[in-house]
Amino acid sequence: MTQTKAAVLALGLCLVPAAAFAEQSPAREALKRYCTADYMDHCSAYPPGGPEVEACFRANLKKLSPNCAGAINAYKQEQRATRRMSEVR
């Protein structure tokens, strides 16, 4: 597996809850697209899927590329909206 593919997989596993694997969302795709390099630069020392990676992204938010920071914010907004919709049902 190439380093880029491993980073994309790690990022997906770190930032996306298991329930979201069933459906690809635009926000999740943006995370993969825009945050792979940031993961490799700032957080690749942490294993995928652990809370350490999410904490690392939070700690390095000001160092992240603008596109990655925007993708993270869009993903969080999408997750909040999804949770609100599931609470209404």
Protein backbone atom coordinates (compact mmCIF):
# COMPACT_ATOMS: atom_id res chain seq x y z
CA MET A 1 0.00 0.00 0.00
CA THR A 2 1.37 3.38 -0.95
CA GLN A 3 1.98 6.01 1.68
CA THR A 4 -0.81 8.19 0.27
CA LYS A 5 -3.35 5.37 0.31
CA ALA A 6 -2.35 4.50 3.87
CA ALA A 7 -2.77 8.12 4.93
CA VAL A 8 -6.20 8.37 3.32
CA LEU A 9 -7.28 5.16 5.01
CA ALA A 10 -5.91 6.33 8.35
CA LEU A 11 -7.61 9.69 8.04
CA GLY A 12 -10.89 8.07 7.17
CA LEU A 13 -10.66 5.73 10.11
CA CYS A 14 -9.71 8.51 12.49
CA LEU A 15 -12.25 11.14 11.63
CA VAL A 16 -15.29 9.19 10.57
CA PRO A 17 -17.52 7.23 12.93
CA ALA A 18 -18.16 3.63 11.94
CA ALA A 19 -21.80 4.34 11.14
CA ALA A 20 -20.75 6.74 8.39
CA PHE A 21 -18.88 4.04 6.48
CA ALA A 22 -22.16 2.87 4.99
CA GLU A 23 -22.61 6.13 3.07
CA GLN A 24 -20.04 8.37 1.42
CA SER A 25 -20.78 12.02 2.09
CA PRO A 26 -19.35 15.09 0.37
CA ALA A 27 -17.87 16.21 3.70
CA ARG A 28 -16.14 12.87 4.21
CA GLU A 29 -14.74 12.98 0.70
CA ALA A 30 -13.43 16.49 1.38
CA LEU A 31 -11.65 15.21 4.49
CA LYS A 32 -9.86 12.59 2.44
CA ARG A 33 -9.04 15.02 -0.32
CA TYR A 34 -7.83 17.97 1.72
CA CYS A 35 -6.48 16.51 4.98
CA THR A 36 -4.22 13.66 3.89
CA ALA A 37 -1.11 15.85 3.65
CA ASP A 38 -1.91 17.49 6.99
CA TYR A 39 -2.29 14.09 8.62
CA MET A 40 1.10 13.04 7.26
CA ASP A 41 2.73 16.32 8.32
CA HIS A 42 1.27 16.65 11.82
CA CYS A 43 -0.41 13.49 13.10
CA SER A 44 0.94 10.38 11.38
CA ALA A 45 2.77 9.39 14.57
CA TYR A 46 -0.60 8.31 15.96
CA PRO A 47 -2.33 5.10 14.96
CA PRO A 48 -5.51 5.42 12.91
CA GLY A 49 -8.81 5.07 14.67
CA GLY A 50 -7.63 6.36 18.02
CA PRO A 51 -8.63 9.48 19.88
CA GLU A 52 -5.04 10.68 19.66
CA VAL A 53 -5.40 11.55 15.98
CA GLU A 54 -8.51 13.62 16.55
CA ALA A 55 -6.77 15.37 19.45
CA CYS A 56 -3.74 15.96 17.25
CA PHE A 57 -5.85 17.63 14.59
CA ARG A 58 -7.49 19.83 17.25
CA ALA A 59 -4.09 20.75 18.70
CA ASN A 60 -2.71 21.59 15.25
CA LEU A 61 -5.80 23.33 13.87
CA LYS A 62 -3.93 26.59 13.28
CA LYS A 63 -1.20 24.70 11.39
CA LEU A 64 -3.60 22.86 9.10
CA SER A 65 -4.10 23.97 5.54
CA PRO A 66 -7.14 26.20 5.05
CA ASN A 67 -8.79 23.53 2.90
CA CYS A 68 -8.32 20.86 5.57
CA ALA A 69 -9.59 23.10 8.37
CA GLY A 70 -12.61 23.92 6.23
CA ALA A 71 -13.23 20.24 5.48
CA ILE A 72 -13.08 19.39 9.19
CA ASN A 73 -15.56 22.15 10.02
CA ALA A 74 -17.90 21.04 7.22
CA TYR A 75 -17.71 17.45 8.43
CA LYS A 76 -18.51 18.48 12.01
CA GLN A 77 -21.49 20.51 10.83
CA GLU A 78 -22.72 17.57 8.78
CA GLN A 79 -22.41 15.26 11.77
CA ARG A 80 -24.32 17.67 14.01
CA ALA A 81 -27.10 17.92 11.42
CA THR A 82 -27.22 14.13 11.09
CA ARG A 83 -27.49 13.75 14.87
CA ARG A 84 -30.29 16.31 15.02
CA MET A 85 -32.18 14.49 12.28
CA SER A 86 -31.82 11.16 14.06
CA GLU A 87 -33.10 12.72 17.31
CA VAL A 88 -36.22 14.00 15.53
CA ARG A 89 -37.13 10.53 14.26
